[in-house]
Each structure stands twice: as C-alpha cells, then as structure tokens.
Amino acid sequence: MNKFLVIQTAFIGDVIMATSVVEKLIKFYPEAQIDFVVRNGNEGLLRNNPHINEVIIWNKKKDKNKNLLQVSMEIRRRRYDRVINLQRFLSTGLMTFISGAKSTAGFDKNPLSMFFTIKKPHIVGKSRERDAHEVSRYLSLIEDITDQEFVGPKLYPREIDYEKGSFDKPYVTIAPSSVWYTKQFHKDKWVELINKIPEELSVIMIGGPGDHDLCDEIAEKVERGNLCNWAGRLSFLQSAALMKSALMNYVNDSAPQHMASAMNAPVTAIFCSTVPEFGFGPLSSNSKIVEVEEKLDCRPCGIHGHKKCPKKHFKCSMDINTDLMLLDDWK
C-alpha cells in the first residue's frame, strides 16, 4: 500500500486527534502518499505537516450536498489503496463507498459500514486508559497494516508560527470557550481561578474570533493585571506554538486540550458535564484532569454536552475547587 486517504470532517479537536493516524502510517510506509479530507475552515490545522501530501476540503457551508458529491468523485478519481473513515455519519460513509479504494476502513456505527472492507466497533465510556482513548479507536482502523502500538497526534507549527505565538515573560494560557455550554467552565469560575494565579505570571486568554467577547467578560471581572485577551489574534498553529512554551494551559474538554496533546504541552483539563471515560482526555506527559469531587447523579449528561444545564444548577462546573488547578509552587 502506498496511497492513503484519511477522512475527518468533524470539529477541530477531532481533526487534531486524527493526525495520529498519519503519524502511524508514515512509520510503516515512509514513502506513502497520504491525503486528508477536512471540512472548510479546519485545513489550517494540517498546514506544514510534512507527512500529508494534500488536504481535500469539503465545503459544508454552501451547497453542502453538491460539494459532497464533487469531493466524493474527486476521491474516486485518485484511486486510493485504503480509505480510512474516522467518522460515523452518512456523508463520510458515502465518500468511502464511492471511493472505489482497494480497501476501506471505518466504524460499525456508520450507516454505510456494511460496504466497508474493515469495520471496527466504536465503544465509548470504557475507561481512562489509553487503549480506550478516541485516538486508540482511530488507530484500530489501521492496526491490520501496522501494529497495536499507541501513537499520539502531532501538529507542526512553522518558525513563523513560533514567532507569532511567543511571549517574553513567564505565562499560562486559558482557553475558556467550548462549542457546548455545559462543557465550558463557567466564566465566573474562570475569574476565580485567574485571581488565584500569582500576578507575576502573565495570563493569556486564547480562542477563536468568536471567543473574544467571552474573554472580555472574564477580563472585566478579574481583579488583577498582567492579563491579555488574544482570542482571535492567533491562527491554529500559532496558538499551538504559544501553548508549547506555557507553564500551564487551562482548557475545557474541547479542541485546545487536543492541541496541547499534539504539542505535548502542559495541560490542566477541566471536565464539567462530560467525563474522561468517554475517551477524550489529555495525552500530554504533563497533564492533569480536574472535575467536581461530588458524585453527581446527573453527570455525565451526554457525550457532547448541552446548550444549557438540564438541571439548571450547573453543579458540575460551579462546584469544582479551583485550588486543585494551581501548581504546587504557586500555593
């Protein structure tokens, strides 16, 4: 085999975790051509990756179905040896089915999995061990042509990304936002945490352009200086470079956590309505998970979270002890 396609058209964090498949393939097939399908907007994550030949972009924002067919036919034209579908939705199942690849691999939850050469179970909620992580589930789709060794995700910032994502004083980063509200540490709890971080350390808030207002709300309530709102200022890879040199990165169960994993950057991951047992925990060598200490009968309330707390108390966030998030030499 020397021509592969990886399909992952979901969110930012999913694409980051999917790079583990590329890292594994290139170890066994160093001369292989590896292409990658992403949704429009996420292609910047893969920029400068030396192992990816081409990124194919599916525009889901306009003429979604028309573009889906165009992408599917382009995939078929390229004649891959294996198509590796990391998603469980009909759209990517269609891409895989139309591909005409010599072999196809995906999860049994995909509606078109009956047409895959290889289909594996996608089991969520097993444990916190690496063999139950989403990355391990991804890697299971190529273990027949590689091995069972765990390989983590990886991003490749350029020199210019490190220059843009640099800071000349000791700092921590905070990524306060999430697509799902109940996966997001409450803004008042972020204020509480920031106020406990020694003021000689800079605190840099990061995120996309849409996160800028939330960061401003937090900054307005903080009672200390040395606080920067960089949300919307940095690209994906510039943010990754910034996280690499931070003393600590505070994140939700969301994309910045996986960004830290891909950079092996220090990370404290806060789990509110979701739990690490779902298989999306941090993989950095210096990582910590923080969650509410009380055993709430309503937690977890779903694998993806909700737009608001179903119980209206949001105890899984509001009752987290922020003292658990400080480094020992800061206390």
Foldseek 3Di string as FASTA:
>chain_A
DAEEEEEDADDQQRVQFLQQQLVQVCVQHVNHAYEYEYEPPNVVQAPPPPSHDYYHYQDCPPPRVVSLVVLLVVLLVVAGQEYEYEDQEASVLSSQQSNNHVFYEYAPNRPNCVSHRYYHHQDFQDALDQCNASSVVSNVRCCVVGNNDGGGGATDADPVLLVLLDDDAAEEEEAQDAPAPLLGQDLVVVLVLVLLFDQSHAYEYEAAPVCQVSLVVSVVSHDGDNYYYCYNVHDLSSNLSNQQRHPEYEYTLHRVLSSCQNSLGAYEYEGFLADSRRRSHHNRPRYHYWWAPDDDPCGNVDHRHHNADPVNPSCRRPRTDSVVVDDPVSD
